[in-house]
Protein backbone atom coordinates (compact mmCIF):
# COMPACT_ATOMS: atom_id res chain seq x y z
CA UNK A 1 3.16 48.92 -101.32
CA UNK A 2 4.37 52.21 -102.86
CA UNK A 3 6.54 54.61 -101.03
CA UNK A 4 6.72 58.04 -102.50
CA UNK A 5 8.37 60.99 -100.92
CA UNK A 6 7.94 59.28 -97.56
CA UNK A 7 4.25 58.96 -98.22
CA UNK A 8 2.69 55.59 -97.65
CA UNK A 9 -0.13 54.39 -99.86
CA UNK A 10 -1.82 51.11 -99.75
CA UNK A 11 -2.46 49.72 -103.26
CA UNK A 12 -5.91 50.41 -104.59
CA UNK A 13 -6.89 52.09 -101.48
CA UNK A 14 -8.49 55.49 -101.43
CA UNK A 15 -7.01 57.68 -98.73
CA UNK A 16 -10.32 58.89 -97.88
CA UNK A 17 -11.27 55.52 -96.68
CA UNK A 18 -8.39 55.03 -94.21
CA UNK A 19 -9.30 53.65 -90.79
CA UNK A 20 -10.58 56.15 -88.45
CA UNK A 21 -7.42 56.25 -86.28
CA UNK A 22 -5.42 57.23 -89.50
CA UNK A 23 -7.63 59.99 -90.55
CA UNK A 24 -6.62 63.56 -89.71
CA UNK A 25 -3.05 62.72 -90.08
CA UNK A 26 -0.81 65.10 -92.30
CA UNK A 27 -0.35 63.78 -95.84
CA UNK A 28 2.91 61.90 -96.27
CA UNK A 29 3.30 61.37 -92.60
CA UNK A 30 2.74 58.02 -90.74
CA UNK A 31 2.06 57.81 -86.99
CA UNK A 32 2.00 54.16 -85.81
CA UNK A 33 -1.49 53.20 -84.43
CA UNK A 34 -2.10 52.67 -80.71
CA UNK A 35 -1.92 48.92 -79.97
CA UNK A 36 -5.23 47.30 -79.40
CA UNK A 37 -5.79 45.64 -76.04
CA UNK A 38 -4.60 41.95 -75.86
CA UNK A 39 -2.38 39.69 -74.13
CA UNK A 40 1.36 40.65 -73.84
CA UNK A 41 4.12 38.17 -74.49
CA UNK A 42 3.98 36.98 -70.79
CA UNK A 43 0.09 36.59 -70.59
CA UNK A 44 0.50 32.79 -70.77
CA UNK A 45 2.05 32.78 -67.28
CA UNK A 46 -0.35 35.12 -65.62
CA UNK A 47 -3.70 33.43 -66.11
CA UNK A 48 -3.85 32.56 -62.45
CA UNK A 49 -3.33 36.06 -60.94
CA UNK A 50 -5.88 37.18 -58.40
CA UNK A 51 -8.54 39.60 -59.54
CA UNK A 52 -10.00 41.51 -56.68
CA UNK A 53 -13.84 41.25 -56.84
CA UNK A 54 -15.22 44.47 -58.11
CA UNK A 55 -18.90 44.25 -57.02
CA UNK A 56 -21.33 42.34 -54.91
CA UNK A 57 -21.76 39.50 -57.52
CA UNK A 58 -18.14 38.89 -57.82
CA UNK A 59 -17.78 38.81 -53.97
CA UNK A 60 -20.65 36.26 -53.66
CA UNK A 61 -19.04 34.22 -56.42
CA UNK A 62 -15.67 34.18 -54.57
CA UNK A 63 -17.09 33.19 -51.41
CA UNK A 64 -19.01 30.44 -52.89
CA UNK A 65 -15.93 28.99 -54.58
CA UNK A 66 -13.99 29.11 -51.39
CA UNK A 67 -16.75 27.18 -49.56
CA UNK A 68 -17.07 24.59 -52.30
CA UNK A 69 -13.18 24.02 -52.21
CA UNK A 70 -13.33 23.55 -48.53
CA UNK A 71 -16.45 21.18 -48.55
CA UNK A 72 -14.63 19.06 -51.29
CA UNK A 73 -11.46 18.78 -49.01
CA UNK A 74 -13.67 17.68 -45.96
CA UNK A 75 -15.39 15.06 -48.19
CA UNK A 76 -12.25 13.79 -49.62
CA UNK A 77 -10.76 13.31 -46.05
CA UNK A 78 -13.84 11.53 -44.71
CA UNK A 79 -13.68 9.21 -47.69
CA UNK A 80 -10.07 8.63 -47.02
CA UNK A 81 -10.58 7.92 -43.50
CA UNK A 82 -13.47 5.41 -44.01
CA UNK A 83 -11.30 3.55 -46.49
CA UNK A 84 -9.06 2.54 -43.68
CA UNK A 85 -6.51 5.24 -43.93
CA UNK A 86 -6.29 6.47 -40.33
CA UNK A 87 -4.46 9.72 -39.61
CA UNK A 88 -1.36 9.44 -37.40
CA UNK A 89 -2.43 10.65 -33.86
CA UNK A 90 0.23 11.77 -31.42
CA UNK A 91 -0.21 10.21 -28.07
CA UNK A 92 1.11 11.44 -24.79
CA UNK A 93 2.85 8.69 -22.60
CA UNK A 94 1.78 8.69 -19.05
CA UNK A 95 4.19 7.59 -16.38
CA UNK A 96 3.21 4.39 -14.68
CA UNK A 97 1.62 4.65 -11.07
CA UNK A 98 4.18 4.16 -8.41
CA UNK A 99 4.28 0.74 -6.81
CA UNK A 100 2.78 0.43 -3.47
CA UNK A 101 5.21 0.14 -0.57
CA UNK A 102 5.90 -3.32 0.64
CA UNK A 103 4.33 -4.28 3.94
CA UNK A 104 5.21 -6.61 6.70
CA UNK A 105 3.52 -9.97 6.79
CA UNK A 106 3.63 -9.98 10.62
CA UNK A 107 2.27 -6.38 11.29
CA UNK A 108 0.95 -5.06 8.02
CA UNK A 109 3.12 -1.97 8.40
CA UNK A 110 5.22 -0.66 5.54
CA UNK A 111 8.71 -1.85 5.44
CA UNK A 112 11.70 -0.35 3.66
CA UNK A 113 12.90 -3.68 2.06
CA UNK A 114 10.70 -6.61 0.93
CA UNK A 115 13.44 -9.18 1.98
CA UNK A 116 12.45 -8.48 5.69
CA UNK A 117 9.48 -10.88 5.00
CA UNK A 118 12.07 -13.40 4.24
CA UNK A 119 13.43 -13.45 7.73
CA UNK A 120 12.39 -16.14 10.38
CA UNK A 121 9.81 -15.20 12.84
CA UNK A 122 11.29 -15.17 16.31
CA UNK A 123 9.12 -15.96 19.50
CA UNK A 124 10.36 -15.01 22.86
CA UNK A 125 8.73 -16.09 26.09
CA UNK A 126 8.62 -13.15 28.45
CA UNK A 127 7.81 -13.32 32.23
CA UNK A 128 5.00 -11.02 33.74
CA UNK A 129 5.37 -11.66 37.51
CA UNK A 130 5.47 -8.42 39.45
CA UNK A 131 9.26 -9.11 39.90
CA UNK A 132 9.85 -8.99 36.18
CA UNK A 133 8.35 -5.62 35.46
CA UNK A 134 8.98 -3.46 33.67
CA UNK A 135 9.95 -5.77 30.83
CA UNK A 136 12.09 -4.95 27.76
CA UNK A 137 11.39 -5.38 23.98
CA UNK A 138 7.62 -6.08 24.13
CA UNK A 139 6.96 -2.67 22.44
CA UNK A 140 8.74 -3.84 19.32
CA UNK A 141 7.01 -7.12 19.02
CA UNK A 142 4.64 -7.40 16.02
CA UNK A 143 2.20 -9.76 17.82
CA UNK A 144 1.82 -10.46 21.42
CA UNK A 145 -0.20 -13.37 23.07
CA UNK A 146 -1.22 -13.16 26.71
CA UNK A 147 -2.39 -16.09 28.85
CA UNK A 148 -2.09 -17.42 32.50
CA UNK A 149 0.96 -19.68 32.75
CA UNK A 150 0.50 -21.00 36.36
CA UNK A 151 -0.96 -19.85 39.71
CA UNK A 152 -2.91 -16.98 37.98
CA UNK A 153 0.47 -15.28 36.82
CA UNK A 154 0.29 -14.25 33.12
CA UNK A 155 3.09 -14.77 30.53
CA UNK A 156 3.64 -13.18 27.20
CA UNK A 157 4.60 -14.84 23.80
CA UNK A 158 6.17 -12.10 21.77
CA UNK A 159 6.71 -12.38 17.95
CA UNK A 160 9.47 -10.41 16.07
CA UNK A 161 10.18 -10.26 12.30
CA UNK A 162 10.44 -6.72 10.96
CA UNK A 163 12.03 -5.39 14.37
CA UNK A 164 15.32 -6.53 16.02
CA UNK A 165 15.53 -5.28 19.52
CA UNK A 166 18.94 -6.01 21.22
CA UNK A 167 17.61 -6.14 24.84
CA UNK A 168 14.50 -8.35 25.37
CA UNK A 169 13.43 -10.02 28.67
CA UNK A 170 13.07 -11.52 31.08
CA UNK A 171 13.11 -14.76 29.26
CA UNK A 172 11.02 -17.61 30.98
CA UNK A 173 9.67 -20.94 30.16
CA UNK A 174 7.05 -22.23 27.66
CA UNK A 175 3.68 -23.98 27.65
CA UNK A 176 1.85 -26.23 25.22
CA UNK A 177 -0.73 -23.46 24.08
CA UNK A 178 2.01 -20.96 23.43
CA UNK A 179 3.67 -23.55 21.10
CA UNK A 180 0.33 -24.08 19.25
CA UNK A 181 0.13 -20.25 18.77
CA UNK A 182 3.61 -19.66 17.62
CA UNK A 183 3.49 -22.67 15.19
CA UNK A 184 0.87 -20.76 13.28
CA UNK A 185 3.53 -18.25 12.50
CA UNK A 186 6.22 -20.87 11.67
CA UNK A 187 8.31 -19.30 14.45
CA UNK A 188 11.27 -20.45 16.40
CA UNK A 189 10.87 -20.06 20.20
CA UNK A 190 13.31 -18.73 22.75
CA UNK A 191 12.62 -19.85 26.12
CA UNK A 192 14.30 -21.10 29.44
CA UNK A 193 12.83 -24.60 29.81
CA UNK A 194 9.28 -25.44 30.14
CA UNK A 195 6.64 -27.70 31.60
CA UNK A 196 7.36 -31.36 30.98
CA UNK A 197 4.47 -31.68 28.47
CA UNK A 198 5.60 -28.38 26.66
CA UNK A 199 9.14 -29.76 26.30
CA UNK A 200 7.85 -33.07 24.95
CA UNK A 201 5.50 -31.15 22.62
CA UNK A 202 8.43 -29.21 21.03
CA UNK A 203 10.08 -32.59 20.04
CA UNK A 204 6.77 -34.36 18.98
CA UNK A 205 5.56 -31.42 16.99
CA UNK A 206 8.93 -30.74 15.46
CA UNK A 207 8.83 -27.18 16.52
CA UNK A 208 11.80 -24.87 15.96
CA UNK A 209 13.44 -24.73 19.35
CA UNK A 210 15.85 -22.20 20.84
CA UNK A 211 15.90 -23.40 24.50
CA UNK A 212 18.40 -21.49 26.47
CA UNK A 213 19.31 -24.95 28.16
CA UNK A 214 20.87 -26.26 25.05
CA UNK A 215 21.73 -22.97 23.25
CA UNK A 216 23.19 -20.60 25.91
CA UNK A 217 25.13 -18.32 23.40
CA UNK A 218 22.31 -15.84 22.68
CA UNK A 219 21.32 -15.48 26.33
CA UNK A 220 22.82 -13.55 29.27
CA UNK A 221 21.90 -12.60 32.94
CA UNK A 222 21.76 -8.96 34.01
CA UNK A 223 22.96 -7.88 37.38
CA UNK A 224 20.33 -5.41 38.23
CA UNK A 225 17.71 -8.39 38.99
CA UNK A 226 18.04 -11.63 40.62
CA UNK A 227 17.35 -15.04 39.13
CA UNK A 228 15.01 -16.28 37.68
CA UNK A 229 13.88 -12.87 36.58
CA UNK A 230 17.12 -11.74 34.98
CA UNK A 231 17.60 -13.75 31.74
CA UNK A 232 17.75 -11.56 28.64
CA UNK A 233 18.41 -12.09 24.95
CA UNK A 234 18.86 -10.21 21.70
CA UNK A 235 16.87 -10.85 18.39
CA UNK A 236 20.11 -10.41 16.30
CA UNK A 237 21.90 -13.03 18.45
CA UNK A 238 18.86 -15.41 18.05
CA UNK A 239 18.83 -14.79 14.37
CA UNK A 240 22.49 -16.12 14.21
CA UNK A 241 21.36 -19.21 16.26
CA UNK A 242 18.42 -19.74 13.79
CA UNK A 243 20.89 -19.48 10.87
CA UNK A 244 23.14 -22.17 12.47
CA UNK A 245 20.13 -24.48 12.83
CA UNK A 246 18.83 -23.94 9.29
CA UNK A 247 15.75 -22.09 10.34
CA UNK A 248 15.11 -20.02 7.08
CA UNK A 249 12.32 -17.82 6.00
CA UNK A 250 9.06 -18.43 7.96
CA UNK A 251 6.15 -19.85 5.88
CA UNK A 252 2.90 -18.51 7.22
CA UNK A 253 -0.09 -16.51 6.44
CA UNK A 254 -0.37 -13.22 8.42
CA UNK A 255 -3.56 -11.65 9.86
CA UNK A 256 -5.62 -10.01 7.22
CA UNK A 257 -5.07 -6.35 7.50
CA UNK A 258 -7.02 -3.13 6.49
CA UNK A 259 -6.38 0.53 6.40
CA UNK A 260 -6.90 2.32 9.62
CA UNK A 261 -10.35 3.96 10.02
CA UNK A 262 -10.68 5.74 13.39
CA UNK A 263 -14.42 6.03 14.35
CA UNK A 264 -16.01 9.53 14.69
CA UNK A 265 -18.21 7.94 17.36
CA UNK A 266 -16.10 5.37 19.23
CA UNK A 267 -18.04 2.93 21.53
CA UNK A 268 -15.11 1.28 23.26
CA UNK A 269 -12.67 3.78 24.81
CA UNK A 270 -12.38 1.84 28.10
CA UNK A 271 -11.63 -1.85 28.20
CA UNK A 272 -11.19 -4.34 30.89
CA UNK A 273 -9.99 -7.87 30.89
CA UNK A 274 -10.56 -9.92 34.17
CA UNK A 275 -7.73 -12.42 33.66
CA UNK A 276 -7.02 -13.85 36.93
CA UNK A 277 -6.59 -11.19 39.83
CA UNK A 278 -5.90 -7.59 40.63
CA UNK A 279 -2.19 -7.73 39.83
CA UNK A 280 -2.73 -9.34 36.38
CA UNK A 281 -6.04 -7.90 35.10
CA UNK A 282 -5.52 -5.82 32.19
CA UNK A 283 -7.06 -2.29 31.25
CA UNK A 284 -6.88 -0.33 28.00
CA UNK A 285 -7.70 3.24 27.36
CA UNK A 286 -8.33 4.28 23.67
CA UNK A 287 -6.17 7.12 22.55
CA UNK A 288 -7.82 8.85 19.68
CA UNK A 289 -4.66 10.82 18.73
CA UNK A 290 -2.58 7.77 17.96
CA UNK A 291 -5.65 5.45 17.33
CA UNK A 292 -4.15 3.02 19.76
CA UNK A 293 -4.82 1.53 23.24
CA UNK A 294 -2.65 2.36 26.13
CA UNK A 295 -2.24 -0.77 28.32
CA UNK A 296 -2.34 -0.89 32.07
CA UNK A 297 -2.22 -3.78 34.57
CA UNK A 298 -2.30 -4.07 38.32
CA UNK A 299 -3.81 -0.61 38.44
CA UNK A 300 -0.65 0.89 36.86
CA UNK A 301 0.39 1.84 33.28
CA UNK A 302 2.11 -1.05 31.83
CA UNK A 303 5.67 0.23 31.04
CA UNK A 304 8.61 -1.16 29.12
CA UNK A 305 12.27 -0.16 29.70
CA UNK A 306 15.17 -0.09 27.27
CA UNK A 307 18.87 -1.02 28.17
CA UNK A 308 19.54 2.76 28.71
CA UNK A 309 16.71 2.90 31.37
CA UNK A 310 14.23 5.00 29.22
CA UNK A 311 10.62 3.89 29.83
CA UNK A 312 7.42 4.06 27.77
CA UNK A 313 3.78 2.85 28.07
CA UNK A 314 2.59 -0.23 25.93
CA UNK A 315 -0.03 0.97 23.34
CA UNK A 316 -1.02 -1.77 20.75
CA UNK A 317 -3.10 -0.94 17.72
CA UNK A 318 -5.49 -3.76 17.84
CA UNK A 319 -6.62 -5.66 21.14
CA UNK A 320 -8.42 -9.02 20.86
CA UNK A 321 -10.02 -11.20 23.28
CA UNK A 322 -9.98 -14.83 22.59
CA UNK A 323 -12.59 -16.62 24.46
CA UNK A 324 -11.45 -20.30 24.70
CA UNK A 325 -12.13 -23.01 27.33
CA UNK A 326 -9.47 -22.78 30.22
CA UNK A 327 -8.50 -25.44 32.74
CA UNK A 328 -5.47 -26.80 34.69
CA UNK A 329 -3.08 -29.62 34.36
CA UNK A 330 -1.58 -29.86 37.85
CA UNK A 331 -0.19 -26.49 38.54
CA UNK A 332 -0.08 -25.48 34.91
CA UNK A 333 -3.02 -23.81 32.96
CA UNK A 334 -4.45 -25.29 30.02
CA UNK A 335 -6.53 -23.76 26.93
CA UNK A 336 -8.33 -25.27 24.16
CA UNK A 337 -6.75 -23.27 21.21
CA UNK A 338 -7.83 -25.44 18.28
CA UNK A 339 -11.24 -24.96 16.64
CA UNK A 340 -13.24 -21.76 17.11
CA UNK A 341 -14.85 -19.60 19.62
CA UNK A 342 -15.93 -16.00 20.46
CA UNK A 343 -13.83 -13.06 19.94
CA UNK A 344 -14.12 -9.32 20.59
CA UNK A 345 -11.91 -7.27 18.40
CA UNK A 346 -10.94 -3.67 19.56
CA UNK A 347 -9.77 -1.31 16.91
CA UNK A 348 -10.31 2.31 15.63
CA UNK A 349 -12.10 3.02 19.01
CA UNK A 350 -14.93 0.38 18.03
CA UNK A 351 -15.70 -3.19 19.61
CA UNK A 352 -16.73 -5.79 17.20
CA UNK A 353 -18.04 -9.18 18.23
CA UNK A 354 -16.78 -12.05 16.00
CA UNK A 355 -15.36 -15.42 15.93
CA UNK A 356 -11.86 -16.79 16.02
CA UNK A 357 -10.73 -19.84 13.97
CA UNK A 358 -7.63 -22.02 14.12
CA UNK A 359 -7.95 -25.38 12.41
CA UNK A 360 -4.74 -26.99 13.55
CA UNK A 361 -1.33 -26.01 15.16
CA UNK A 362 0.31 -25.03 11.95
CA UNK A 363 -2.45 -22.61 10.76
CA UNK A 364 -2.89 -18.96 12.17
CA UNK A 365 -5.92 -17.49 13.57
CA UNK A 366 -8.51 -15.88 11.37
CA UNK A 367 -11.49 -13.87 12.28
CA UNK A 368 -15.05 -13.53 10.99
CA UNK A 369 -18.01 -11.35 11.87
CA UNK A 370 -21.55 -12.28 12.53
CA UNK A 371 -22.19 -12.75 8.83
CA UNK A 372 -19.15 -14.86 8.27
CA UNK A 373 -17.21 -12.14 6.44
CA UNK A 374 -13.41 -11.70 7.31
CA UNK A 375 -12.75 -9.30 10.11
CA UNK A 376 -9.61 -7.44 9.05
CA UNK A 377 -7.16 -5.75 11.52
CA UNK A 378 -5.44 -2.34 11.40
CA UNK A 379 -1.73 -2.44 10.91
CA UNK A 380 0.40 -2.40 13.85
CA UNK A 381 1.03 -4.34 17.03
CA UNK A 382 -1.77 -6.88 17.67
CA UNK A 383 -2.36 -7.97 21.32
CA UNK A 384 -4.32 -11.11 21.92
CA UNK A 385 -5.59 -12.20 25.38
CA UNK A 386 -6.84 -15.62 26.09
CA UNK A 387 -9.93 -15.60 28.54
CA UNK A 388 -12.03 -18.47 29.95
CA UNK A 389 -15.46 -16.80 29.08
CA UNK A 390 -17.21 -13.83 27.60
CA UNK A 391 -18.07 -12.16 31.00
CA UNK A 392 -14.36 -11.53 31.54
CA UNK A 393 -14.57 -8.78 28.89
CA UNK A 394 -16.19 -5.47 29.57
CA UNK A 395 -15.92 -2.15 27.85
CA UNK A 396 -17.70 1.35 27.65
């Protein structure tokens, strides 16, 4: 190149043929050309910068690209999942359902401590002559058996396990059929003597005996009544005697129980048992409010009294008539308690005809309906009365 007086000349180039953007410039003066468009020095780092679509075509292309990218992602996820790669799913841990409350083997009622079922079952013979009324403690028994002891006079076999009343009586003598009933509960029996046959049965059958004649400690006579109607006992005191004799947990099967289901159309609200005579015949009135049966005898409400003198009417949850052959052995009554026979079960305001079963002394009663299915009982006190024939049971 040749520079002359600030003028610039390209060699062998006619100034009249300068590029268009140089033409028109004064001679000897140079103006740098305007840079042509092109990438700047940072363009290699800005290839990815978003270019806003300028027209409909660019918008359509942009949307199509987004859809294709999303579809590819979905396809990749499905292929990954099918190849055995499972996504981590967060689960919510639920609290386990609360355990059902323990229930009494004897009554089917809820109990606060399962160890209550490890106690012995304690049976107490309670008198029912007119001079023995009102009795004490019967209302707290889980199961009560009623039968004629002698001369038409009834007597009660009362069973305790989950309750421990301290005032129970009057205590009287035992008979063979009561022993057969209590042995089905593996129970120890508190009594004051008995018929000669019954006392021999206690020995021969290896029954758990708490006879007052040989074990006076748990028994005492009260001063407000005269003998023999004034012998009383306490379940806690009898438990101590059982422990001394090594009578531990009762091994038995309780009655099959069910949930209460009071009927909206009860068919048995007034029940009568013709047991022996006016003073001992029993009557029950169904009380819908408590779903229980208020008991009367001798034409009066059957009351019990506590040690403080407060009285209340007996009201078992379940009432059962056991129809079994009845006879006499001298002055004492007899019942055929082993085998099977008719039964009428009253619960929830309804009477159900069924059959009782007891295969031997050591087994408990079970009940079946006309089809042979088990008849289950409501939880609560169960009252069983032995009757000579079905005609002794009436209800409406």
